[in-house]
N, C-alpha and C. Protein backbone atom coordinates (compact mmCIF):
# COMPACT_ATOMS: atom_id res chain seq x y z
N MET A 1 0.69 -0.84 -0.02
CA MET A 1 -0.05 -0.09 0.18
C MET A 1 0.85 1.10 -0.01
N ILE A 2 2.07 1.33 0.81
CA ILE A 2 2.86 2.19 0.56
C ILE A 2 3.41 2.55 -0.37
N THR A 3 3.80 1.62 -1.08
CA THR A 3 4.59 1.66 -2.44
C THR A 3 3.88 2.11 -3.53
N THR A 4 2.51 1.60 -3.56
CA THR A 4 1.45 2.21 -4.40
C THR A 4 1.16 3.81 -4.24
N PHE A 5 1.44 4.05 -2.99
CA PHE A 5 1.26 5.62 -2.62
C PHE A 5 2.25 6.36 -3.06
N LYS A 6 3.48 5.68 -2.99
CA LYS A 6 4.73 6.63 -3.40
C LYS A 6 4.96 6.80 -4.60
N SER A 7 4.01 5.34 -5.38
CA SER A 7 4.54 5.28 -6.96
C SER A 7 3.34 6.30 -7.48
N LYS A 8 2.14 6.53 -7.14
CA LYS A 8 1.21 7.37 -7.24
C LYS A 8 1.82 9.15 -7.38
N TYR A 9 2.51 9.10 -6.10
CA TYR A 9 2.84 10.50 -5.63
C TYR A 9 3.95 10.62 -6.64
N LEU A 10 4.94 9.85 -6.65
CA LEU A 10 6.08 9.86 -7.82
C LEU A 10 5.41 10.26 -9.15
N ILE A 11 4.56 9.73 -9.72
CA ILE A 11 3.92 9.92 -10.99
C ILE A 11 3.33 11.23 -11.21
N SER A 12 2.53 11.66 -9.93
CA SER A 12 1.69 12.85 -9.99
C SER A 12 2.99 14.22 -9.77
N LEU A 13 4.08 13.78 -9.13
CA LEU A 13 5.08 14.68 -9.15
C LEU A 13 5.76 14.67 -10.22
N LEU A 14 6.14 13.81 -11.00
CA LEU A 14 6.64 13.86 -12.33
C LEU A 14 5.88 14.58 -13.45
N LEU A 15 4.49 14.15 -13.44
CA LEU A 15 3.62 14.79 -14.04
C LEU A 15 3.53 16.27 -14.12
N VAL A 16 3.70 16.88 -12.87
CA VAL A 16 3.62 18.12 -12.48
C VAL A 16 4.71 18.59 -13.02
N PHE A 17 6.12 18.29 -12.78
CA PHE A 17 7.42 18.72 -13.07
C PHE A 17 7.29 18.91 -14.84
N PHE A 18 6.79 17.73 -15.45
CA PHE A 18 6.61 17.87 -16.94
C PHE A 18 5.84 19.08 -17.29
N ILE A 19 4.65 19.11 -17.00
CA ILE A 19 3.97 20.21 -17.07
C ILE A 19 4.48 21.98 -16.96
N VAL A 20 5.26 21.73 -15.71
CA VAL A 20 5.87 22.96 -15.49
C VAL A 20 6.99 23.12 -16.69
N LEU A 21 7.86 22.10 -17.01
CA LEU A 21 8.92 22.22 -17.98
C LEU A 21 8.33 22.64 -19.17
N LEU A 22 6.78 22.34 -19.65
CA LEU A 22 6.31 22.59 -20.92
C LEU A 22 5.99 23.77 -21.04
N LEU A 23 5.45 24.30 -19.89
CA LEU A 23 5.04 25.65 -19.76
C LEU A 23 6.20 26.65 -19.78
N VAL A 24 7.37 26.32 -19.25
CA VAL A 24 8.46 27.23 -19.24
C VAL A 24 9.05 27.25 -20.53
N ASN A 25 9.11 25.95 -21.27
CA ASN A 25 9.50 25.82 -22.80
C ASN A 25 8.67 26.80 -23.27
N SER A 26 7.21 26.80 -23.37
CA SER A 26 6.07 27.44 -24.26
C SER A 26 6.64 29.13 -23.87
N VAL A 27 6.77 29.50 -22.58
CA VAL A 27 6.95 31.02 -22.19
C VAL A 27 8.26 31.50 -23.12
N PHE A 28 9.41 30.60 -22.74
CA PHE A 28 10.63 31.17 -23.35
C PHE A 28 10.55 31.05 -24.99
N THR A 29 10.21 30.03 -25.57
CA THR A 29 9.66 29.86 -27.11
C THR A 29 9.04 30.98 -27.61
N LEU A 30 7.97 31.58 -26.86
CA LEU A 30 7.59 32.76 -27.32
C LEU A 30 8.00 34.00 -27.03
N LEU A 31 8.85 34.08 -25.95
CA LEU A 31 9.81 35.50 -25.81
C LEU A 31 10.96 35.29 -26.74
N ASN A 32 11.45 33.99 -26.99
CA ASN A 32 12.63 34.19 -27.95
C ASN A 32 11.91 34.43 -29.53
N GLY A 33 10.84 33.91 -29.61
CA GLY A 33 10.17 34.23 -31.19
C GLY A 33 9.97 35.47 -31.32
N HIS A 34 9.40 36.39 -30.26
CA HIS A 34 9.35 37.78 -30.04
C HIS A 34 10.65 38.35 -30.73
N THR A 35 11.91 38.05 -29.75
CA THR A 35 12.91 38.66 -29.87
C THR A 35 13.46 38.48 -31.30
N ILE A 36 13.41 37.17 -32.03
CA ILE A 36 13.73 36.66 -33.51
C ILE A 36 13.25 37.77 -34.44
N VAL A 37 11.58 37.92 -34.20
CA VAL A 37 11.09 38.62 -35.07
C VAL A 37 11.32 40.17 -35.04
N LYS A 38 11.53 40.62 -33.86
CA LYS A 38 11.83 42.05 -33.63
C LYS A 38 13.27 42.09 -34.15
N ASN A 39 14.04 41.51 -33.90
CA ASN A 39 15.61 41.80 -34.41
C ASN A 39 15.74 41.49 -36.02
N ASN A 40 14.81 40.84 -36.61
CA ASN A 40 14.49 40.51 -38.06
C ASN A 40 13.96 41.88 -38.49
N ALA A 41 13.37 42.40 -38.14
CA ALA A 41 12.50 43.85 -38.43
C ALA A 41 13.56 44.51 -38.51
N LEU A 42 14.26 44.65 -37.32
CA LEU A 42 15.49 45.63 -37.19
C LEU A 42 16.53 45.80 -38.30
N LYS A 43 17.03 44.48 -38.57
CA LYS A 43 17.80 44.21 -39.70
C LYS A 43 17.44 44.63 -41.14
N ILE A 44 16.05 44.38 -41.41
CA ILE A 44 15.60 44.98 -42.70
C ILE A 44 15.48 46.39 -42.50
N GLU A 45 15.21 46.84 -41.37
CA GLU A 45 14.94 48.38 -41.18
C GLU A 45 16.38 49.15 -41.61
N THR A 46 17.53 48.32 -41.01
CA THR A 46 18.76 48.95 -41.12
C THR A 46 19.28 49.05 -42.56
N GLU A 47 18.75 48.05 -43.40
CA GLU A 47 19.02 48.08 -44.78
C GLU A 47 18.26 48.95 -45.34
N VAL A 48 17.09 49.11 -45.25
CA VAL A 48 16.22 50.48 -45.75
C VAL A 48 16.73 51.59 -45.54
N VAL A 49 17.32 52.02 -44.27
CA VAL A 49 17.92 53.16 -43.96
C VAL A 49 19.02 53.47 -44.91
N LYS A 50 19.81 52.22 -45.17
CA LYS A 50 21.06 52.41 -45.93
C LYS A 50 20.84 52.74 -47.56
N ARG A 51 19.77 52.16 -47.93
CA ARG A 51 19.19 52.22 -49.34
C ARG A 51 18.66 53.73 -49.53
N ARG A 52 17.68 54.04 -48.75
CA ARG A 52 17.45 55.32 -48.82
C ARG A 52 18.30 56.42 -48.85
N THR A 53 19.23 56.24 -47.74
CA THR A 53 20.18 57.16 -47.43
C THR A 53 21.27 57.26 -48.86
N ALA A 54 21.49 56.13 -49.52
CA ALA A 54 22.12 56.25 -50.81
C ALA A 54 21.27 56.58 -52.07
N GLY A 55 19.99 56.53 -51.78
CA GLY A 55 19.00 57.13 -52.83
C GLY A 55 19.09 58.79 -52.83
N ILE A 56 19.66 59.31 -51.80
CA ILE A 56 19.97 60.89 -51.84
C ILE A 56 20.77 61.39 -52.95
N ILE A 57 21.83 60.71 -53.05
CA ILE A 57 22.67 60.92 -54.00
C ILE A 57 22.49 60.44 -55.24
N THR A 58 21.95 58.98 -55.38
CA THR A 58 21.83 58.40 -56.58
C THR A 58 20.56 58.86 -57.26
N ASP A 59 19.79 59.18 -56.46
CA ASP A 59 18.37 59.56 -57.38
C ASP A 59 17.95 60.87 -57.39
N ILE A 60 18.33 61.66 -56.21
CA ILE A 60 17.90 63.05 -56.14
C ILE A 60 18.95 63.73 -56.48
N ILE A 61 20.20 63.91 -56.11
CA ILE A 61 21.13 64.88 -56.65
C ILE A 61 21.64 64.45 -57.99
N HIS A 62 22.08 63.11 -58.49
CA HIS A 62 22.24 62.95 -59.66
C HIS A 62 21.11 63.06 -60.64
N GLY A 63 19.85 62.79 -60.08
CA GLY A 63 18.67 63.31 -61.10
C GLY A 63 18.83 64.59 -61.17
N ALA A 64 19.11 65.64 -60.30
CA ALA A 64 18.99 67.20 -60.61
C ALA A 64 20.27 67.26 -61.58
N ASP A 65 21.52 66.88 -61.18
CA ASP A 65 22.56 66.84 -62.22
C ASP A 65 22.37 66.73 -63.49
N LEU A 66 21.74 65.30 -63.72
CA LEU A 66 21.50 64.96 -65.17
C LEU A 66 20.71 65.77 -65.96
N ALA A 67 19.15 66.46 -65.17
CA ALA A 67 18.34 67.15 -65.73
C ALA A 67 19.18 68.85 -66.20
N VAL A 68 20.23 68.80 -65.12
CA VAL A 68 20.83 70.48 -65.36
C VAL A 68 21.46 70.15 -66.68
N ARG A 69 22.55 69.39 -66.61
CA ARG A 69 23.28 69.07 -67.96
C ARG A 69 22.55 68.80 -69.10
N GLY A 70 21.73 68.03 -68.95
CA GLY A 70 21.10 67.32 -70.16
C GLY A 70 20.31 68.52 -71.05
N PHE A 71 19.90 69.19 -70.09
CA PHE A 71 18.98 70.43 -70.63
C PHE A 71 19.88 71.17 -71.02
N ALA A 72 20.83 71.86 -70.48
CA ALA A 72 21.71 72.83 -70.93
C ALA A 72 22.48 72.49 -72.05
N LEU A 73 22.96 71.27 -72.28
CA LEU A 73 23.36 70.84 -73.48
C LEU A 73 22.71 70.95 -74.76
N THR A 74 21.27 70.41 -74.83
CA THR A 74 20.34 70.09 -75.72
C THR A 74 19.22 70.92 -75.82
N LYS A 75 18.91 71.70 -74.79
CA LYS A 75 17.45 72.69 -74.64
C LYS A 75 16.28 71.91 -74.92
N ASN A 76 16.43 70.61 -74.80
CA ASN A 76 15.32 69.68 -74.78
C ASN A 76 14.51 69.42 -73.56
N ASP A 77 13.00 69.97 -73.46
CA ASP A 77 12.48 69.70 -72.19
C ASP A 77 12.35 68.47 -71.56
N GLN A 78 12.22 67.33 -72.39
CA GLN A 78 12.28 66.20 -71.79
C GLN A 78 13.79 65.82 -70.89
N LEU A 79 14.94 66.40 -71.10
CA LEU A 79 15.77 66.11 -70.45
C LEU A 79 15.94 66.70 -69.19
N ALA A 80 14.90 67.82 -69.09
CA ALA A 80 14.67 68.44 -67.57
C ALA A 80 13.78 67.66 -66.89
N SER A 81 13.10 66.72 -67.40
CA SER A 81 12.05 65.97 -66.52
C SER A 81 12.75 65.22 -65.41
N PRO A 82 14.01 64.87 -65.44
CA PRO A 82 14.28 64.21 -63.90
C PRO A 82 14.37 65.26 -62.87
N LEU A 83 14.50 66.57 -63.12
CA LEU A 83 14.38 67.54 -62.06
C LEU A 83 12.82 67.43 -61.39
N ILE A 84 12.22 67.48 -62.29
CA ILE A 84 10.69 67.30 -62.02
C ILE A 84 10.27 66.23 -61.06
N ASP A 85 10.96 65.13 -61.59
CA ASP A 85 10.57 63.87 -60.89
C ASP A 85 11.36 63.89 -59.49
N VAL A 86 12.36 64.58 -59.28
CA VAL A 86 12.81 64.84 -58.10
C VAL A 86 12.55 65.55 -57.12
N PHE A 87 11.70 66.76 -57.53
CA PHE A 87 11.15 67.48 -56.68
C PHE A 87 9.77 66.75 -56.06
N LYS A 88 9.13 65.73 -57.03
CA LYS A 88 7.88 65.07 -56.71
C LYS A 88 8.22 64.10 -55.49
N ASN A 89 9.32 63.46 -55.50
CA ASN A 89 9.88 62.14 -54.94
C ASN A 89 11.01 62.41 -53.64
N LYS A 90 11.23 63.68 -53.86
CA LYS A 90 12.42 64.06 -52.54
C LYS A 90 11.77 63.89 -51.08
N ASP A 91 10.85 64.52 -51.10
CA ASP A 91 9.97 64.62 -49.51
C ASP A 91 9.69 62.86 -49.33
N SER A 92 9.28 62.08 -49.91
CA SER A 92 8.86 60.74 -49.48
C SER A 92 10.21 60.18 -48.84
N VAL A 93 11.20 60.28 -49.71
CA VAL A 93 12.63 59.95 -49.33
C VAL A 93 13.23 60.35 -47.97
N PHE A 94 13.03 61.62 -47.69
CA PHE A 94 13.55 62.29 -46.79
C PHE A 94 12.25 62.02 -45.57
N ASN A 95 11.26 61.88 -45.76
CA ASN A 95 10.22 61.96 -44.66
C ASN A 95 10.29 60.64 -44.25
N SER A 96 10.50 59.45 -45.09
CA SER A 96 10.60 57.90 -44.54
C SER A 96 12.18 57.90 -43.80
N LEU A 97 13.02 58.59 -44.36
CA LEU A 97 14.20 58.32 -43.57
C LEU A 97 14.25 59.00 -42.18
N ASP A 98 13.35 60.16 -42.11
CA ASP A 98 13.19 60.97 -40.71
C ASP A 98 12.31 60.22 -39.73
N THR A 99 11.19 59.28 -40.34
CA THR A 99 10.41 58.41 -39.51
C THR A 99 11.29 57.38 -38.89
N LEU A 100 12.31 56.77 -39.68
CA LEU A 100 12.97 55.63 -39.23
C LEU A 100 14.08 56.04 -38.30
N LEU A 101 14.93 57.26 -38.56
CA LEU A 101 15.87 57.69 -37.72
C LEU A 101 15.34 57.94 -36.62
N VAL A 102 14.22 58.80 -36.40
CA VAL A 102 13.69 58.94 -35.01
C VAL A 102 13.33 57.68 -34.09
N LYS A 103 12.59 56.74 -35.15
CA LYS A 103 12.40 55.48 -34.59
C LYS A 103 13.65 54.85 -33.71
N GLN A 104 14.90 54.89 -34.49
CA GLN A 104 16.03 54.50 -34.06
C GLN A 104 16.80 55.16 -33.11
N HIS A 105 16.16 56.70 -32.67
CA HIS A 105 16.69 57.32 -31.50
C HIS A 105 18.21 57.84 -32.25
N TYR A 106 18.34 58.20 -33.63
CA TYR A 106 19.61 58.64 -34.21
C TYR A 106 19.45 60.33 -34.34
N ASP A 107 20.98 60.88 -33.87
CA ASP A 107 20.88 62.20 -33.67
C ASP A 107 20.55 62.53 -35.03
N MET A 108 19.69 63.69 -34.84
CA MET A 108 19.17 64.27 -36.35
C MET A 108 19.70 65.30 -36.92
N SER A 109 20.65 65.92 -36.31
CA SER A 109 21.32 66.97 -36.70
C SER A 109 22.05 67.29 -38.08
N LYS A 110 22.64 66.13 -38.32
CA LYS A 110 23.26 66.02 -39.72
C LYS A 110 22.46 66.05 -40.90
N PHE A 111 21.18 65.14 -40.09
CA PHE A 111 19.91 64.66 -41.42
C PHE A 111 19.57 66.06 -41.65
N ARG A 112 19.20 67.08 -40.67
CA ARG A 112 18.77 68.37 -41.02
C ARG A 112 19.45 69.30 -41.93
N GLU A 113 20.72 69.10 -41.74
CA GLU A 113 21.84 70.11 -42.47
C GLU A 113 21.60 69.39 -43.94
N LEU A 114 21.73 68.29 -43.98
CA LEU A 114 21.92 67.34 -45.23
C LEU A 114 20.49 67.93 -45.94
N ARG A 115 19.49 67.61 -45.35
CA ARG A 115 18.42 67.71 -46.04
C ARG A 115 18.17 69.35 -46.61
N ALA A 116 18.46 70.17 -45.69
CA ALA A 116 18.37 71.68 -46.16
C ALA A 116 19.35 71.90 -47.31
N GLU A 117 20.64 71.26 -47.20
CA GLU A 117 21.48 71.49 -48.31
C GLU A 117 21.08 71.00 -49.58
N VAL A 118 20.38 69.86 -49.70
CA VAL A 118 19.56 69.33 -50.48
C VAL A 118 18.85 70.17 -51.45
N GLU A 119 17.72 70.82 -50.58
CA GLU A 119 16.58 71.63 -50.78
C GLU A 119 17.53 72.82 -51.53
N ASP A 120 18.49 73.27 -50.91
CA ASP A 120 19.19 74.60 -51.54
C ASP A 120 19.67 74.23 -53.15
N TYR A 121 20.34 72.85 -53.08
CA TYR A 121 20.84 72.61 -54.22
C TYR A 121 20.12 72.34 -55.40
N LEU A 122 18.60 71.84 -55.11
CA LEU A 122 17.57 71.49 -55.98
C LEU A 122 17.17 72.90 -56.53
N THR A 123 16.85 74.05 -55.53
CA THR A 123 16.46 75.13 -56.12
C THR A 123 17.65 75.80 -56.89
N PHE A 124 18.80 75.70 -56.34
CA PHE A 124 20.01 75.82 -57.28
C PHE A 124 19.79 75.38 -58.76
N SER A 125 19.47 73.99 -58.82
CA SER A 125 19.44 73.49 -60.18
C SER A 125 18.42 74.05 -60.90
N ARG A 126 17.13 74.12 -60.54
CA ARG A 126 16.08 74.72 -61.11
C ARG A 126 16.34 76.16 -61.59
N GLU A 127 16.94 76.73 -60.86
CA GLU A 127 17.59 78.20 -61.36
C GLU A 127 18.67 78.15 -62.71
N MET A 128 19.46 77.02 -62.63
CA MET A 128 20.22 76.57 -63.92
C MET A 128 19.42 76.45 -64.81
N ILE A 129 18.57 75.72 -64.86
CA ILE A 129 17.93 75.30 -65.87
C ILE A 129 17.11 76.30 -66.59
N GLN A 130 16.39 77.47 -65.57
CA GLN A 130 15.63 78.57 -65.90
C GLN A 130 16.78 79.66 -66.76
N LEU A 131 18.13 79.63 -66.55
CA LEU A 131 19.26 80.35 -67.15
C LEU A 131 19.50 79.69 -68.37
N ALA A 132 19.53 78.20 -68.46
CA ALA A 132 19.80 77.75 -69.84
C ALA A 132 18.61 77.84 -70.86
N LYS A 133 17.29 78.19 -70.17
CA LYS A 133 16.24 78.20 -70.85
C LYS A 133 16.06 79.86 -71.65
N GLN A 134 16.94 80.76 -70.96
CA GLN A 134 16.97 81.90 -71.27
C GLN A 134 18.42 82.35 -72.09
N ASP A 135 18.88 81.33 -72.41
CA ASP A 135 20.28 81.39 -73.18
C ASP A 135 21.25 82.30 -72.47
N SER A 136 21.07 82.35 -71.12
CA SER A 136 22.31 83.03 -70.39
C SER A 136 23.53 81.99 -69.89
N MET A 137 23.98 81.62 -70.96
CA MET A 137 24.96 80.70 -70.78
C MET A 137 26.10 81.02 -70.28
N ARG A 138 26.64 82.08 -70.30
CA ARG A 138 27.72 82.98 -69.34
C ARG A 138 27.18 82.73 -68.01
N GLN A 139 26.13 83.21 -67.48
CA GLN A 139 25.87 83.23 -66.11
C GLN A 139 25.73 81.73 -65.47
N PHE A 140 25.17 80.83 -66.53
CA PHE A 140 24.96 79.49 -66.36
C PHE A 140 26.39 78.71 -66.05
N VAL A 141 27.57 79.05 -67.07
CA VAL A 141 28.68 78.31 -66.60
C VAL A 141 29.25 79.00 -65.59
N LYS A 142 29.25 80.15 -65.32
CA LYS A 142 29.53 80.73 -63.84
C LYS A 142 29.16 80.02 -62.60
N LEU A 143 27.65 79.84 -62.64
CA LEU A 143 27.02 79.02 -61.77
C LEU A 143 27.56 77.77 -61.51
N LEU A 144 28.03 76.68 -62.71
CA LEU A 144 28.19 75.50 -62.90
C LEU A 144 29.71 75.54 -62.17
N ASN A 145 30.42 76.27 -62.60
CA ASN A 145 31.87 76.72 -62.01
C ASN A 145 32.00 76.78 -60.45
N GLU A 146 31.14 76.97 -60.08
CA GLU A 146 30.94 77.00 -58.19
C GLU A 146 30.79 75.75 -57.53
N ASP A 147 30.55 74.95 -58.65
CA ASP A 147 30.55 73.50 -58.13
C ASP A 147 29.95 73.21 -56.78
N ARG A 148 28.64 73.74 -56.81
CA ARG A 148 27.91 73.53 -55.48
C ARG A 148 27.61 71.80 -54.95
N GLY A 149 27.34 71.23 -56.28
CA GLY A 149 27.47 69.72 -56.10
C GLY A 149 28.14 69.26 -54.73
N TYR A 150 29.87 69.83 -54.63
CA TYR A 150 30.75 69.51 -53.72
C TYR A 150 30.49 69.66 -52.42
N GLY A 151 29.69 70.69 -52.24
CA GLY A 151 29.06 71.16 -50.77
C GLY A 151 28.26 70.21 -50.42
N VAL A 152 27.14 69.89 -51.23
CA VAL A 152 26.24 68.65 -51.03
C VAL A 152 26.96 67.50 -50.64
N TRP A 153 27.72 66.94 -51.35
CA TRP A 153 28.57 65.77 -51.10
C TRP A 153 29.33 65.73 -49.66
N LYS A 154 29.80 66.81 -49.38
CA LYS A 154 30.43 67.11 -47.99
C LYS A 154 29.56 66.87 -47.02
N LYS A 155 28.26 67.73 -47.29
CA LYS A 155 26.98 67.32 -46.16
C LYS A 155 26.65 65.93 -46.18
N TYR A 156 26.47 65.55 -47.37
CA TYR A 156 26.22 64.01 -47.48
C TYR A 156 27.06 62.96 -46.92
N GLU A 157 28.36 63.28 -47.21
CA GLU A 157 29.38 62.42 -46.53
C GLU A 157 29.49 62.39 -44.87
N ALA A 158 29.21 63.56 -44.38
CA ALA A 158 29.28 63.98 -42.95
C ALA A 158 28.03 63.21 -42.37
N PHE A 159 26.93 63.11 -43.05
CA PHE A 159 26.02 62.21 -42.45
C PHE A 159 25.76 60.85 -42.85
N TYR A 160 26.17 60.21 -43.90
CA TYR A 160 26.30 58.82 -44.24
C TYR A 160 27.21 58.06 -43.60
N LEU A 161 28.38 58.70 -43.49
CA LEU A 161 29.53 57.76 -42.86
C LEU A 161 29.30 57.31 -41.41
N PRO A 162 29.02 58.24 -40.63
CA PRO A 162 28.50 57.94 -39.19
C PRO A 162 26.97 56.90 -39.10
N LEU A 163 26.26 57.52 -40.15
CA LEU A 163 24.97 56.59 -39.78
C LEU A 163 24.95 55.18 -40.26
N PHE A 164 25.85 55.02 -41.47
CA PHE A 164 26.08 53.68 -41.94
C PHE A 164 26.98 52.75 -40.43
N ASP A 165 27.82 53.33 -40.10
CA ASP A 165 28.67 52.89 -38.66
C ASP A 165 27.31 52.64 -37.70
N TYR A 166 26.31 53.43 -37.49
CA TYR A 166 25.34 53.17 -36.63
C TYR A 166 24.50 52.08 -37.02
N GLU A 167 24.19 52.10 -38.07
CA GLU A 167 23.28 51.04 -38.93
C GLU A 167 24.02 49.90 -38.54
N ASP A 168 25.13 49.49 -38.98
CA ASP A 168 25.88 48.44 -38.94
C ASP A 168 25.95 47.73 -37.52
N SER A 169 26.00 48.98 -36.42
CA SER A 169 25.86 48.35 -34.94
C SER A 169 24.91 47.89 -34.85
N LEU A 170 23.58 48.58 -35.12
CA LEU A 170 22.28 48.18 -34.98
C LEU A 170 22.33 46.56 -35.58
N ASN A 171 22.54 46.31 -36.74
CA ASN A 171 22.56 45.39 -37.33
C ASN A 171 23.37 44.06 -36.75
N ALA A 172 24.46 44.56 -36.10
CA ALA A 172 25.15 43.70 -35.61
C ALA A 172 24.73 43.04 -34.24
N LYS A 173 24.09 43.95 -33.43
CA LYS A 173 23.42 43.88 -32.30
C LYS A 173 22.22 42.88 -32.40
N ALA A 174 21.39 43.15 -33.64
CA ALA A 174 20.42 42.54 -33.81
C ALA A 174 20.76 41.19 -34.16
N ASP A 175 21.49 41.01 -34.57
CA ASP A 175 22.04 39.52 -35.25
C ASP A 175 22.67 38.91 -34.14
N GLU A 176 23.24 39.37 -33.11
CA GLU A 176 23.70 38.99 -31.85
C GLU A 176 22.52 38.17 -31.14
N GLU A 177 21.40 39.14 -30.81
CA GLU A 177 20.40 38.78 -30.06
C GLU A 177 19.61 37.64 -30.79
N TYR A 178 19.42 37.64 -32.17
CA TYR A 178 19.01 36.70 -32.65
C TYR A 178 19.51 35.45 -32.86
N MET A 179 20.88 35.48 -32.65
CA MET A 179 21.57 34.21 -32.40
C MET A 179 21.58 33.82 -30.96
N ASN A 180 21.50 34.50 -29.94
CA ASN A 180 21.21 34.22 -28.57
C ASN A 180 19.86 33.73 -28.32
N ALA A 181 19.29 34.22 -28.91
CA ALA A 181 17.56 33.53 -28.92
C ALA A 181 17.45 32.36 -29.52
N ILE A 182 18.03 32.07 -30.38
CA ILE A 182 18.26 30.77 -31.16
C ILE A 182 18.62 29.70 -30.33
N SER A 183 19.95 30.02 -29.96
CA SER A 183 20.71 29.24 -28.80
C SER A 183 19.88 28.92 -27.58
N ARG A 184 19.18 30.07 -26.86
CA ARG A 184 18.56 29.58 -25.78
C ARG A 184 17.28 28.77 -26.22
N ASN A 185 16.34 29.05 -27.44
CA ASN A 185 15.57 28.17 -27.89
C ASN A 185 16.28 26.48 -27.82
N ARG A 186 17.32 26.41 -28.42
CA ARG A 186 17.90 25.08 -28.33
C ARG A 186 18.03 24.63 -26.85
N ILE A 187 18.57 25.24 -26.32
CA ILE A 187 18.86 24.71 -24.69
C ILE A 187 17.33 24.32 -24.15
N ILE A 188 16.71 25.14 -24.31
CA ILE A 188 15.28 24.79 -23.66
C ILE A 188 14.54 23.81 -24.47
N GLN A 189 14.83 23.53 -25.42
CA GLN A 189 14.26 22.22 -26.15
C GLN A 189 15.01 21.07 -25.80
N ILE A 190 16.39 21.28 -25.49
CA ILE A 190 17.10 20.02 -25.20
C ILE A 190 16.84 19.69 -23.42
N ILE A 191 16.41 20.75 -22.77
CA ILE A 191 15.96 20.26 -21.13
C ILE A 191 15.11 19.71 -21.07
């Protein structure tokens, strides 16, 4: 009778222990799953920030330069159209970057400086196209020789170099947390 009582007690104790382990496993799996999802999203976000930042030069500045030079050489209105597209799309690029960088708690001072510099450069590009339309090529060449694009590049460089380092550190931290969550899941599964 005592042996039967001990075996029932032992079976009940093992069953409770198994249920507790199962609950602990489920809780940690959920928490680790949340960590994995969060860090995957952060990794994607860092890549989006880098792509959008590169787009400031490749899409906005180069688009403006292409329009100014193309129109000045040919006086073909179609070749000025990239500047129109730049003016349509620049706000979405800058606004999305602004939202992401604020979310990441990034220092926005260099971003604001770059945005102001790009806005000035786009206004300058529009003025240059107007000069070319008026056949004021002497004034156009004078402004072209000022090489204001170099100032934009310097602001861009001052912004993107530390930003990319920051994004790379966020990405590395996300990788580390992701791998830690995977390791914790494996350990819990083994136990």
